[in-house]
Amino acid sequence: MSKPIELTDANFNEEVENSDKPVLVDFWAEWCGPCRMVGPVVDELAGEFEGKAKVGKVNVDNNPEVSVKYGIRSIPALLIFKDGKVADQIIGAVPKNQIKNKLEAQLN
């Protein structure tokens, strides 16, 4: 089963903005309780969408540039990128099917 990609300020452009597939990006931090609830869901989605979409995680404490660039003020924040741009976003801990439906909508 594939795991989410560890995204950083250094590889974000290559992995996300230049991706030919939609990318679900989870902005999170160690100290964030709701992030720990969303984390396992994001891990599962990485496996379910293998080959169809990319799934990655950004630790906001370690990667301030990307977080600032996309205006991340509250976490968890899930951004869905398509063709290098933000196509959709989800703020806060939400049910898995809500994240899955939004990601599936970007596959066409």
PDB file of N, CA and C in Angstrom:
ATOM      1  N   MET A   1       0.843  -1.197   0.000  1.00  0.00           N
ATOM      2  CA  MET A   1       0.000   0.000   0.000  1.00  0.00           C
ATOM      3  C   MET A   1       0.878   1.246   0.000  1.00  0.00           C
ATOM      4  N   SER A   2       0.542   2.189  -0.846  1.00  0.00           N
ATOM      5  CA  SER A   2       1.393   3.367  -0.913  1.00  0.00           C
ATOM      6  C   SER A   2       1.086   4.314   0.240  1.00  0.00           C
ATOM      7  N   LYS A   3       2.094   5.094   0.583  1.00  0.00           N
ATOM      8  CA  LYS A   3       1.987   6.049   1.679  1.00  0.00           C
ATOM      9  C   LYS A   3       1.985   7.460   1.104  1.00  0.00           C
ATOM     10  N   PRO A   4       1.483   8.419   1.875  1.00  0.00           N
ATOM     11  CA  PRO A   4       1.558   9.804   1.409  1.00  0.00           C
ATOM     12  C   PRO A   4       3.012  10.238   1.218  1.00  0.00           C
ATOM     13  N   ILE A   5       3.218  11.114   0.266  1.00  0.00           N
ATOM     14  CA  ILE A   5       4.549  11.671   0.008  1.00  0.00           C
ATOM     15  C   ILE A   5       4.835  12.725   1.068  1.00  0.00           C
ATOM     16  N   GLU A   6       6.052  12.721   1.591  1.00  0.00           N
ATOM     17  CA  GLU A   6       6.468  13.768   2.524  1.00  0.00           C
ATOM     18  C   GLU A   6       6.803  14.996   1.684  1.00  0.00           C
ATOM     19  N   LEU A   7       5.961  16.017   1.780  1.00  0.00           N
ATOM     20  CA  LEU A   7       6.169  17.232   0.990  1.00  0.00           C
ATOM     21  C   LEU A   7       6.893  18.280   1.819  1.00  0.00           C
ATOM     22  N   THR A   8       7.808  18.994   1.160  1.00  0.00           N
ATOM     23  CA  THR A   8       8.603  20.017   1.832  1.00  0.00           C
ATOM     24  C   THR A   8       8.646  21.276   0.973  1.00  0.00           C
ATOM     25  N   ASP A   9       9.176  22.343   1.555  1.00  0.00           N
ATOM     26  CA  ASP A   9       9.373  23.571   0.768  1.00  0.00           C
ATOM     27  C   ASP A   9      10.208  23.263  -0.476  1.00  0.00           C
ATOM     28  N   ALA A  10      11.150  22.323  -0.331  1.00  0.00           N
ATOM     29  CA  ALA A  10      12.083  22.017  -1.417  1.00  0.00           C
ATOM     30  C   ALA A  10      11.449  21.214  -2.565  1.00  0.00           C
ATOM     31  N   ASN A  11      10.561  20.246  -2.260  1.00  0.00           N
ATOM     32  CA  ASN A  11      10.041  19.386  -3.328  1.00  0.00           C
ATOM     33  C   ASN A  11       8.593  19.682  -3.724  1.00  0.00           C
ATOM     34  N   PHE A  12       7.951  20.656  -3.077  1.00  0.00           N
ATOM     35  CA  PHE A  12       6.527  20.911  -3.310  1.00  0.00           C
ATOM     36  C   PHE A  12       6.227  21.251  -4.769  1.00  0.00           C
ATOM     37  N   ASN A  13       7.047  22.114  -5.325  1.00  0.00           N
ATOM     38  CA  ASN A  13       6.829  22.538  -6.708  1.00  0.00           C
ATOM     39  C   ASN A  13       6.849  21.344  -7.655  1.00  0.00           C
ATOM     40  N   GLU A  14       7.875  20.512  -7.520  1.00  0.00           N
ATOM     41  CA  GLU A  14       8.035  19.354  -8.403  1.00  0.00           C
ATOM     42  C   GLU A  14       6.931  18.322  -8.191  1.00  0.00           C
ATOM     43  N   GLU A  15       6.639  17.988  -6.934  1.00  0.00           N
ATOM     44  CA  GLU A  15       5.687  16.916  -6.617  1.00  0.00           C
ATOM     45  C   GLU A  15       4.226  17.330  -6.820  1.00  0.00           C
ATOM     46  N   VAL A  16       3.908  18.597  -6.542  1.00  0.00           N
ATOM     47  CA  VAL A  16       2.512  19.024  -6.553  1.00  0.00           C
ATOM     48  C   VAL A  16       2.183  19.900  -7.751  1.00  0.00           C
ATOM     49  N   GLU A  17       2.893  21.027  -7.876  1.00  0.00           N
ATOM     50  CA  GLU A  17       2.541  21.991  -8.918  1.00  0.00           C
ATOM     51  C   GLU A  17       2.826  21.459 -10.321  1.00  0.00           C
ATOM     52  N   ASN A  18       3.794  20.555 -10.458  1.00  0.00           N
ATOM     53  CA  ASN A  18       4.117  19.998 -11.768  1.00  0.00           C
ATOM     54  C   ASN A  18       3.538  18.605 -11.982  1.00  0.00           C
ATOM     55  N   SER A  19       2.642  18.168 -11.092  1.00  0.00           N
ATOM     56  CA  SER A  19       2.073  16.821 -11.197  1.00  0.00           C
ATOM     57  C   SER A  19       1.055  16.749 -12.326  1.00  0.00           C
ATOM     58  N   ASP A  20       1.064  15.615 -13.050  1.00  0.00           N
ATOM     59  CA  ASP A  20       0.072  15.419 -14.111  1.00  0.00           C
ATOM     60  C   ASP A  20      -1.205  14.794 -13.560  1.00  0.00           C
ATOM     61  N   LYS A  21      -1.213  14.464 -12.256  1.00  0.00           N
ATOM     62  CA  LYS A  21      -2.398  13.906 -11.605  1.00  0.00           C
ATOM     63  C   LYS A  21      -2.861  14.878 -10.524  1.00  0.00           C
ATOM     64  N   PRO A  22      -4.140  14.794 -10.136  1.00  0.00           N
ATOM     65  CA  PRO A  22      -4.578  15.595  -8.984  1.00  0.00           C
ATOM     66  C   PRO A  22      -3.768  15.207  -7.741  1.00  0.00           C
ATOM     67  N   VAL A  23      -3.577  16.168  -6.842  1.00  0.00           N
ATOM     68  CA  VAL A  23      -2.801  15.925  -5.630  1.00  0.00           C
ATOM     69  C   VAL A  23      -3.583  16.408  -4.410  1.00  0.00           C
ATOM     70  N   LEU A  24      -3.778  15.509  -3.445  1.00  0.00           N
ATOM     71  CA  LEU A  24      -4.367  15.876  -2.158  1.00  0.00           C
ATOM     72  C   LEU A  24      -3.219  16.181  -1.213  1.00  0.00           C
ATOM     73  N   VAL A  25      -3.212  17.400  -0.654  1.00  0.00           N
ATOM     74  CA  VAL A  25      -2.138  17.794   0.249  1.00  0.00           C
ATOM     75  C   VAL A  25      -2.722  18.073   1.633  1.00  0.00           C
ATOM     76  N   ASP A  26      -2.198  17.371   2.624  1.00  0.00           N
ATOM     77  CA  ASP A  26      -2.615  17.522   4.016  1.00  0.00           C
ATOM     78  C   ASP A  26      -1.601  18.409   4.733  1.00  0.00           C
ATOM     79  N   PHE A  27      -2.029  19.620   5.121  1.00  0.00           N
ATOM     80  CA  PHE A  27      -1.186  20.505   5.923  1.00  0.00           C
ATOM     81  C   PHE A  27      -1.480  20.201   7.389  1.00  0.00           C
ATOM     82  N   TRP A  28      -0.446  19.821   8.152  1.00  0.00           N
ATOM     83  CA  TRP A  28      -0.632  19.348   9.518  1.00  0.00           C
ATOM     84  C   TRP A  28       0.542  19.743  10.409  1.00  0.00           C
ATOM     85  N   ALA A  29       0.423  19.446  11.711  1.00  0.00           N
ATOM     86  CA  ALA A  29       1.520  19.632  12.666  1.00  0.00           C
ATOM     87  C   ALA A  29       1.382  18.600  13.781  1.00  0.00           C
ATOM     88  N   GLU A  30       2.517  18.280  14.409  1.00  0.00           N
ATOM     89  CA  GLU A  30       2.553  17.271  15.479  1.00  0.00           C
ATOM     90  C   GLU A  30       1.596  17.621  16.626  1.00  0.00           C
ATOM     91  N   TRP A  31       1.528  18.904  16.987  1.00  0.00           N
ATOM     92  CA  TRP A  31       0.785  19.339  18.167  1.00  0.00           C
ATOM     93  C   TRP A  31      -0.714  19.492  17.927  1.00  0.00           C
ATOM     94  N   CYS A  32      -1.165  19.257  16.693  1.00  0.00           N
ATOM     95  CA  CYS A  32      -2.553  19.501  16.311  1.00  0.00           C
ATOM     96  C   CYS A  32      -3.400  18.240  16.483  1.00  0.00           C
ATOM     97  N   GLY A  33      -4.325  18.259  17.460  1.00  0.00           N
ATOM     98  CA  GLY A  33      -5.181  17.108  17.738  1.00  0.00           C
ATOM     99  C   GLY A  33      -6.021  16.664  16.547  1.00  0.00           C
ATOM    100  N   PRO A  34      -6.791  17.589  15.936  1.00  0.00           N
ATOM    101  CA  PRO A  34      -7.601  17.200  14.775  1.00  0.00           C
ATOM    102  C   PRO A  34      -6.752  16.648  13.620  1.00  0.00           C
ATOM    103  N   CYS A  35      -5.513  17.116  13.501  1.00  0.00           N
ATOM    104  CA  CYS A  35      -4.615  16.608  12.445  1.00  0.00           C
ATOM    105  C   CYS A  35      -4.348  15.127  12.653  1.00  0.00           C
ATOM    106  N   ARG A  36      -4.254  14.720  13.911  1.00  0.00           N
ATOM    107  CA  ARG A  36      -3.983  13.308  14.210  1.00  0.00           C
ATOM    108  C   ARG A  36      -5.195  12.437  13.880  1.00  0.00           C
ATOM    109  N   MET A  37      -6.396  13.039  13.859  1.00  0.00           N
ATOM    110  CA  MET A  37      -7.592  12.303  13.459  1.00  0.00           C
ATOM    111  C   MET A  37      -7.650  12.159  11.935  1.00  0.00           C
ATOM    112  N   VAL A  38      -7.235  13.183  11.224  1.00  0.00           N
ATOM    113  CA  VAL A  38      -7.284  13.183   9.759  1.00  0.00           C
ATOM    114  C   VAL A  38      -6.139  12.357   9.165  1.00  0.00           C
ATOM    115  N   GLY A  39      -5.006  12.315   9.851  1.00  0.00           N
ATOM    116  CA  GLY A  39      -3.816  11.632   9.345  1.00  0.00           C
ATOM    117  C   GLY A  39      -4.050  10.216   8.831  1.00  0.00           C
ATOM    118  N   PRO A  40      -4.657   9.335   9.645  1.00  0.00           N
ATOM    119  CA  PRO A  40      -4.891   7.956   9.187  1.00  0.00           C
ATOM    120  C   PRO A  40      -5.817   7.877   7.969  1.00  0.00           C
ATOM    121  N   VAL A  41      -6.773   8.802   7.891  1.00  0.00           N
ATOM    122  CA  VAL A  41      -7.692   8.848   6.745  1.00  0.00           C
ATOM    123  C   VAL A  41      -6.904   9.188   5.478  1.00  0.00           C
ATOM    124  N   VAL A  42      -6.005  10.157   5.596  1.00  0.00           N
ATOM    125  CA  VAL A  42      -5.168  10.555   4.460  1.00  0.00           C
ATOM    126  C   VAL A  42      -4.276   9.395   4.041  1.00  0.00           C
ATOM    127  N   ASP A  43      -3.756   8.654   5.026  1.00  0.00           N
ATOM    128  CA  ASP A  43      -2.930   7.475   4.725  1.00  0.00           C
ATOM    129  C   ASP A  43      -3.727   6.448   3.916  1.00  0.00           C
ATOM    130  N   GLU A  44      -4.982   6.206   4.321  1.00  0.00           N
ATOM    131  CA  GLU A  44      -5.830   5.246   3.602  1.00  0.00           C
ATOM    132  C   GLU A  44      -6.098   5.712   2.174  1.00  0.00           C
ATOM    133  N   LEU A  45      -6.370   6.997   2.019  1.00  0.00           N
ATOM    134  CA  LEU A  45      -6.669   7.528   0.692  1.00  0.00           C
ATOM    135  C   LEU A  45      -5.468   7.411  -0.239  1.00  0.00           C
ATOM    136  N   ALA A  46      -4.264   7.506   0.310  1.00  0.00           N
ATOM    137  CA  ALA A  46      -3.052   7.358  -0.502  1.00  0.00           C
ATOM    138  C   ALA A  46      -3.055   5.987  -1.175  1.00  0.00           C
ATOM    139  N   GLY A  47      -3.477   4.961  -0.434  1.00  0.00           N
ATOM    140  CA  GLY A  47      -3.554   3.615  -0.986  1.00  0.00           C
ATOM    141  C   GLY A  47      -4.690   3.467  -1.982  1.00  0.00           C
ATOM    142  N   GLU A  48      -5.844   4.028  -1.640  1.00  0.00           N
ATOM    143  CA  GLU A  48      -7.030   3.883  -2.491  1.00  0.00           C
ATOM    144  C   GLU A  48      -6.878   4.597  -3.835  1.00  0.00           C
ATOM    145  N   PHE A  49      -6.144   5.701  -3.836  1.00  0.00           N
ATOM    146  CA  PHE A  49      -6.015   6.494  -5.061  1.00  0.00           C
ATOM    147  C   PHE A  49      -4.690   6.249  -5.784  1.00  0.00           C
ATOM    148  N   GLU A  50      -3.961   5.230  -5.361  1.00  0.00           N
ATOM    149  CA  GLU A  50      -2.670   4.917  -5.975  1.00  0.00           C
ATOM    150  C   GLU A  50      -2.828   4.783  -7.490  1.00  0.00           C
ATOM    151  N   GLY A  51      -1.986   5.496  -8.237  1.00  0.00           N
ATOM    152  CA  GLY A  51      -2.049   5.454  -9.693  1.00  0.00           C
ATOM    153  C   GLY A  51      -3.035   6.435 -10.301  1.00  0.00           C
ATOM    154  N   LYS A  52      -3.982   6.939  -9.487  1.00  0.00           N
ATOM    155  CA  LYS A  52      -4.987   7.875 -10.002  1.00  0.00           C
ATOM    156  C   LYS A  52      -4.731   9.300  -9.538  1.00  0.00           C
ATOM    157  N   ALA A  53      -4.265   9.428  -8.298  1.00  0.00           N
ATOM    158  CA  ALA A  53      -3.976  10.742  -7.726  1.00  0.00           C
ATOM    159  C   ALA A  53      -2.807  10.590  -6.764  1.00  0.00           C
ATOM    160  N   LYS A  54      -2.153  11.700  -6.469  1.00  0.00           N
ATOM    161  CA  LYS A  54      -1.076  11.693  -5.492  1.00  0.00           C
ATOM    162  C   LYS A  54      -1.618  12.197  -4.167  1.00  0.00           C
ATOM    163  N   VAL A  55      -1.042  11.728  -3.085  1.00  0.00           N
ATOM    164  CA  VAL A  55      -1.422  12.196  -1.754  1.00  0.00           C
ATOM    165  C   VAL A  55      -0.140  12.538  -1.015  1.00  0.00           C
ATOM    166  N   GLY A  56      -0.109  13.723  -0.414  1.00  0.00           N
ATOM    167  CA  GLY A  56       1.085  14.140   0.305  1.00  0.00           C
ATOM    168  C   GLY A  56       0.748  14.896   1.572  1.00  0.00           C
ATOM    169  N   LYS A  57       1.750  15.049   2.426  1.00  0.00           N
ATOM    170  CA  LYS A  57       1.576  15.747   3.694  1.00  0.00           C
ATOM    171  C   LYS A  57       2.666  16.798   3.861  1.00  0.00           C
ATOM    172  N   VAL A  58       2.264  17.952   4.365  1.00  0.00           N
ATOM    173  CA  VAL A  58       3.207  19.031   4.657  1.00  0.00           C
ATOM    174  C   VAL A  58       3.153  19.325   6.157  1.00  0.00           C
ATOM    175  N   ASN A  59       4.276  19.164   6.836  1.00  0.00           N
ATOM    176  CA  ASN A  59       4.371  19.571   8.234  1.00  0.00           C
ATOM    177  C   ASN A  59       4.590  21.086   8.239  1.00  0.00           C
ATOM    178  N   VAL A  60       3.570  21.834   8.704  1.00  0.00           N
ATOM    179  CA  VAL A  60       3.633  23.301   8.609  1.00  0.00           C
ATOM    180  C   VAL A  60       4.749  23.908   9.451  1.00  0.00           C
ATOM    181  N   ASP A  61       5.115  23.239  10.534  1.00  0.00           N
ATOM    182  CA  ASP A  61       6.189  23.763  11.381  1.00  0.00           C
ATOM    183  C   ASP A  61       7.542  23.694  10.675  1.00  0.00           C
ATOM    184  N   ASN A  62       7.733  22.666   9.853  1.00  0.00           N
ATOM    185  CA  ASN A  62       9.015  22.464   9.178  1.00  0.00           C
ATOM    186  C   ASN A  62       9.077  23.114   7.798  1.00  0.00           C
ATOM    187  N   ASN A  63       7.934  23.493   7.253  1.00  0.00           N
ATOM    188  CA  ASN A  63       7.875  24.006   5.880  1.00  0.00           C
ATOM    189  C   ASN A  63       7.038  25.282   5.788  1.00  0.00           C
ATOM    190  N   PRO A  64       7.553  26.367   6.376  1.00  0.00           N
ATOM    191  CA  PRO A  64       6.768  27.603   6.440  1.00  0.00           C
ATOM    192  C   PRO A  64       6.509  28.246   5.077  1.00  0.00           C
ATOM    193  N   GLU A  65       7.410  28.072   4.117  1.00  0.00           N
ATOM    194  CA  GLU A  65       7.241  28.752   2.823  1.00  0.00           C
ATOM    195  C   GLU A  65       5.981  28.307   2.109  1.00  0.00           C
ATOM    196  N   VAL A  66       5.786  26.994   2.001  1.00  0.00           N
ATOM    197  CA  VAL A  66       4.613  26.458   1.306  1.00  0.00           C
ATOM    198  C   VAL A  66       3.343  26.850   2.056  1.00  0.00           C
ATOM    199  N   SER A  67       3.393  26.776   3.379  1.00  0.00           N
ATOM    200  CA  SER A  67       2.222  27.107   4.195  1.00  0.00           C
ATOM    201  C   SER A  67       1.803  28.556   3.991  1.00  0.00           C
ATOM    202  N   VAL A  68       2.778  29.459   3.948  1.00  0.00           N
ATOM    203  CA  VAL A  68       2.488  30.881   3.735  1.00  0.00           C
ATOM    204  C   VAL A  68       1.991  31.117   2.312  1.00  0.00           C
ATOM    205  N   LYS A  69       2.635  30.470   1.341  1.00  0.00           N
ATOM    206  CA  LYS A  69       2.257  30.642  -0.065  1.00  0.00           C
ATOM    207  C   LYS A  69       0.783  30.337  -0.299  1.00  0.00           C
ATOM    208  N   TYR A  70       0.280  29.305   0.375  1.00  0.00           N
ATOM    209  CA  TYR A  70      -1.111  28.906   0.181  1.00  0.00           C
ATOM    210  C   TYR A  70      -2.037  29.399   1.294  1.00  0.00           C
ATOM    211  N   GLY A  71      -1.544  30.331   2.109  1.00  0.00           N
ATOM    212  CA  GLY A  71      -2.387  30.986   3.098  1.00  0.00           C
ATOM    213  C   GLY A  71      -2.967  30.062   4.150  1.00  0.00           C
ATOM    214  N   ILE A  72      -2.185  29.068   4.576  1.00  0.00           N
ATOM    215  CA  ILE A  72      -2.669  28.128   5.578  1.00  0.00           C
ATOM    216  C   ILE A  72      -2.655  28.813   6.947  1.00  0.00           C
ATOM    217  N   ARG A  73      -3.846  29.045   7.490  1.00  0.00           N
ATOM    218  CA  ARG A  73      -3.950  29.695   8.804  1.00  0.00           C
ATOM    219  C   ARG A  73      -4.467  28.761   9.877  1.00  0.00           C
ATOM    220  N   SER A  74      -5.267  27.783   9.471  1.00  0.00           N
ATOM    221  CA  SER A  74      -5.737  26.809  10.457  1.00  0.00           C
ATOM    222  C   SER A  74      -5.527  25.413   9.888  1.00  0.00           C
ATOM    223  N   ILE A  75      -5.206  24.494  10.775  1.00  0.00           N
ATOM    224  CA  ILE A  75      -4.963  23.125  10.339  1.00  0.00           C
ATOM    225  C   ILE A  75      -5.844  22.195  11.158  1.00  0.00           C
ATOM    226  N   PRO A  76      -6.159  21.003  10.675  1.00  0.00           N
ATOM    227  CA  PRO A  76      -5.717  20.500   9.373  1.00  0.00           C
ATOM    228  C   PRO A  76      -6.390  21.237   8.216  1.00  0.00           C
ATOM    229  N   ALA A  77      -5.610  21.443   7.160  1.00  0.00           N
ATOM    230  CA  ALA A  77      -6.129  22.007   5.921  1.00  0.00           C
ATOM    231  C   ALA A  77      -5.766  21.037   4.807  1.00  0.00           C
ATOM    232  N   LEU A  78      -6.773  20.619   4.054  1.00  0.00           N
ATOM    233  CA  LEU A  78      -6.544  19.703   2.940  1.00  0.00           C
ATOM    234  C   LEU A  78      -6.797  20.476   1.655  1.00  0.00           C
ATOM    235  N   LEU A  79      -5.765  20.602   0.837  1.00  0.00           N
ATOM    236  CA  LEU A  79      -5.901  21.272  -0.446  1.00  0.00           C
ATOM    237  C   LEU A  79      -5.804  20.235  -1.548  1.00  0.00           C
ATOM    238  N   ILE A  80      -6.661  20.365  -2.549  1.00  0.00           N
ATOM    239  CA  ILE A  80      -6.609  19.473  -3.698  1.00  0.00           C
ATOM    240  C   ILE A  80      -6.146  20.294  -4.891  1.00  0.00           C
ATOM    241  N   PHE A  81      -5.026  19.876  -5.449  1.00  0.00           N
ATOM    242  CA  PHE A  81      -4.438  20.572  -6.592  1.00  0.00           C
ATOM    243  C   PHE A  81      -4.765  19.835  -7.874  1.00  0.00           C
ATOM    244  N   LYS A  82      -5.039  20.596  -8.927  1.00  0.00           N
ATOM    245  CA  LYS A  82      -5.205  20.021 -10.255  1.00  0.00           C
ATOM    246  C   LYS A  82      -4.548  20.974 -11.233  1.00  0.00           C
ATOM    247  N   ASP A  83      -3.721  20.430 -12.123  1.00  0.00           N
ATOM    248  CA  ASP A  83      -2.973  21.250 -13.086  1.00  0.00           C
ATOM    249  C   ASP A  83      -2.178  22.353 -12.386  1.00  0.00           C
ATOM    250  N   GLY A  84      -1.617  22.020 -11.217  1.00  0.00           N
ATOM    251  CA  GLY A  84      -0.737  22.941 -10.511  1.00  0.00           C
ATOM    252  C   GLY A  84      -1.427  24.030  -9.712  1.00  0.00           C
ATOM    253  N   LYS A  85      -2.757  24.031  -9.686  1.00  0.00           N
ATOM    254  CA  LYS A  85      -3.485  25.061  -8.951  1.00  0.00           C
ATOM    255  C   LYS A  85      -4.444  24.425  -7.949  1.00  0.00           C
ATOM    256  N   VAL A  86      -4.800  25.212  -6.920  1.00  0.00           N
ATOM    257  CA  VAL A  86      -5.749  24.715  -5.927  1.00  0.00           C
ATOM    258  C   VAL A  86      -7.129  24.620  -6.565  1.00  0.00           C
ATOM    259  N   ALA A  87      -7.679  23.405  -6.599  1.00  0.00           N
ATOM    260  CA  ALA A  87      -8.994  23.174  -7.201  1.00  0.00           C
ATOM    261  C   ALA A  87     -10.082  23.097  -6.133  1.00  0.00           C
ATOM    262  N   ASP A  88      -9.697  22.697  -4.930  1.00  0.00           N
ATOM    263  CA  ASP A  88     -10.669  22.561  -3.848  1.00  0.00           C
ATOM    264  C   ASP A  88      -9.915  22.553  -2.528  1.00  0.00           C
ATOM    265  N   GLN A  89     -10.629  22.820  -1.443  1.00  0.00           N
ATOM    266  CA  GLN A  89      -9.986  22.746  -0.133  1.00  0.00           C
ATOM    267  C   GLN A  89     -10.987  22.366   0.936  1.00  0.00           C
ATOM    268  N   ILE A  90     -10.457  21.749   1.985  1.00  0.00           N
ATOM    269  CA  ILE A  90     -11.253  21.321   3.119  1.00  0.00           C
ATOM    270  C   ILE A  90     -10.491  21.770   4.361  1.00  0.00           C
ATOM    271  N   ILE A  91     -11.171  22.519   5.231  1.00  0.00           N
ATOM    272  CA  ILE A  91     -10.521  22.966   6.461  1.00  0.00           C
ATOM    273  C   ILE A  91     -11.140  22.216   7.630  1.00  0.00           C
ATOM    274  N   GLY A  92     -10.288  21.672   8.488  1.00  0.00           N
ATOM    275  CA  GLY A  92     -10.769  20.974   9.669  1.00  0.00           C
ATOM    276  C   GLY A  92     -10.902  19.475   9.455  1.00  0.00           C
ATOM    277  N   ALA A  93     -11.201  18.783  10.539  1.00  0.00           N
ATOM    278  CA  ALA A  93     -11.356  17.327  10.488  1.00  0.00           C
ATOM    279  C   ALA A  93     -12.753  17.004   9.964  1.00  0.00           C
ATOM    280  N   VAL A  94     -12.805  16.311   8.842  1.00  0.00           N
ATOM    281  CA  VAL A  94     -14.084  15.951   8.226  1.00  0.00           C
ATOM    282  C   VAL A  94     -14.101  14.452   7.950  1.00  0.00           C
ATOM    283  N   PRO A  95     -15.297  13.878   7.717  1.00  0.00           N
ATOM    284  CA  PRO A  95     -15.370  12.442   7.434  1.00  0.00           C
ATOM    285  C   PRO A  95     -14.621  12.073   6.159  1.00  0.00           C
ATOM    286  N   LYS A  96     -14.121  10.847   6.148  1.00  0.00           N
ATOM    287  CA  LYS A  96     -13.333  10.347   5.023  1.00  0.00           C
ATOM    288  C   LYS A  96     -14.070  10.488   3.687  1.00  0.00           C
ATOM    289  N   ASN A  97     -15.384  10.146   3.673  1.00  0.00           N
ATOM    290  CA  ASN A  97     -16.098  10.181   2.391  1.00  0.00           C
ATOM    291  C   ASN A  97     -16.167  11.586   1.805  1.00  0.00           C
ATOM    292  N   GLN A  98     -16.156  12.595   2.666  1.00  0.00           N
ATOM    293  CA  GLN A  98     -16.180  13.984   2.177  1.00  0.00           C
ATOM    294  C   GLN A  98     -14.869  14.305   1.432  1.00  0.00           C
ATOM    295  N   ILE A  99     -13.754  13.876   1.996  1.00  0.00           N
ATOM    296  CA  ILE A  99     -12.450  14.100   1.357  1.00  0.00           C
ATOM    297  C   ILE A  99     -12.380  13.293   0.055  1.00  0.00           C
ATOM    298  N   LYS A 100     -12.813  12.036   0.141  1.00  0.00           N
ATOM    299  CA  LYS A 100     -12.762  11.133  -1.006  1.00  0.00           C
ATOM    300  C   LYS A 100     -13.595  11.668  -2.170  1.00  0.00           C
ATOM    301  N   ASN A 101     -14.791  12.149  -1.873  1.00  0.00           N
ATOM    302  CA  ASN A 101     -15.673  12.680  -2.934  1.00  0.00           C
ATOM    303  C   ASN A 101     -15.060  13.891  -3.619  1.00  0.00           C
ATOM    304  N   LYS A 102     -14.443  14.760  -2.827  1.00  0.00           N
ATOM    305  CA  LYS A 102     -13.825  15.965  -3.410  1.00  0.00           C
ATOM    306  C   LYS A 102     -12.632  15.603  -4.280  1.00  0.00           C
ATOM    307  N   LEU A 103     -11.867  14.598  -3.847  1.00  0.00           N
ATOM    308  CA  LEU A 103     -10.713  14.168  -4.639  1.00  0.00           C
ATOM    309  C   LEU A 103     -11.183  13.477  -5.929  1.00  0.00           C
ATOM    310  N   GLU A 104     -12.198  12.618  -5.806  1.00  0.00           N
ATOM    311  CA  GLU A 104     -12.725  11.921  -6.993  1.00  0.00           C
ATOM    312  C   GLU A 104     -13.251  12.909  -8.031  1.00  0.00           C
ATOM    313  N   ALA A 105     -13.826  14.007  -7.561  1.00  0.00           N
ATOM    314  CA  ALA A 105     -14.384  15.020  -8.469  1.00  0.00           C
ATOM    315  C   ALA A 105     -13.301  15.638  -9.363  1.00  0.00           C
ATOM    316  N   GLN A 106     -12.043  15.575  -8.911  1.00  0.00           N
ATOM    317  CA  GLN A 106     -10.938  16.164  -9.682  1.00  0.00           C
ATOM    318  C   GLN A 106     -10.287  15.167 -10.640  1.00  0.00           C
ATOM    319  N   LEU A 107     -10.732  13.923 -10.649  1.00  0.00           N
ATOM    320  CA  LEU A 107     -10.095  12.903 -11.484  1.00  0.00           C
ATOM    321  C   LEU A 107     -10.486  13.005 -12.956  1.00  0.00           C
ATOM    322  N   ASN A 108     -11.597  13.640 -13.249  1.00  0.00           N
ATOM    323  CA  ASN A 108     -12.062  13.685 -14.659  1.00  0.00           C
ATOM    324  C   ASN A 108     -11.300  14.736 -15.454  1.00  0.00           C
TER     325      ASN A 108
END
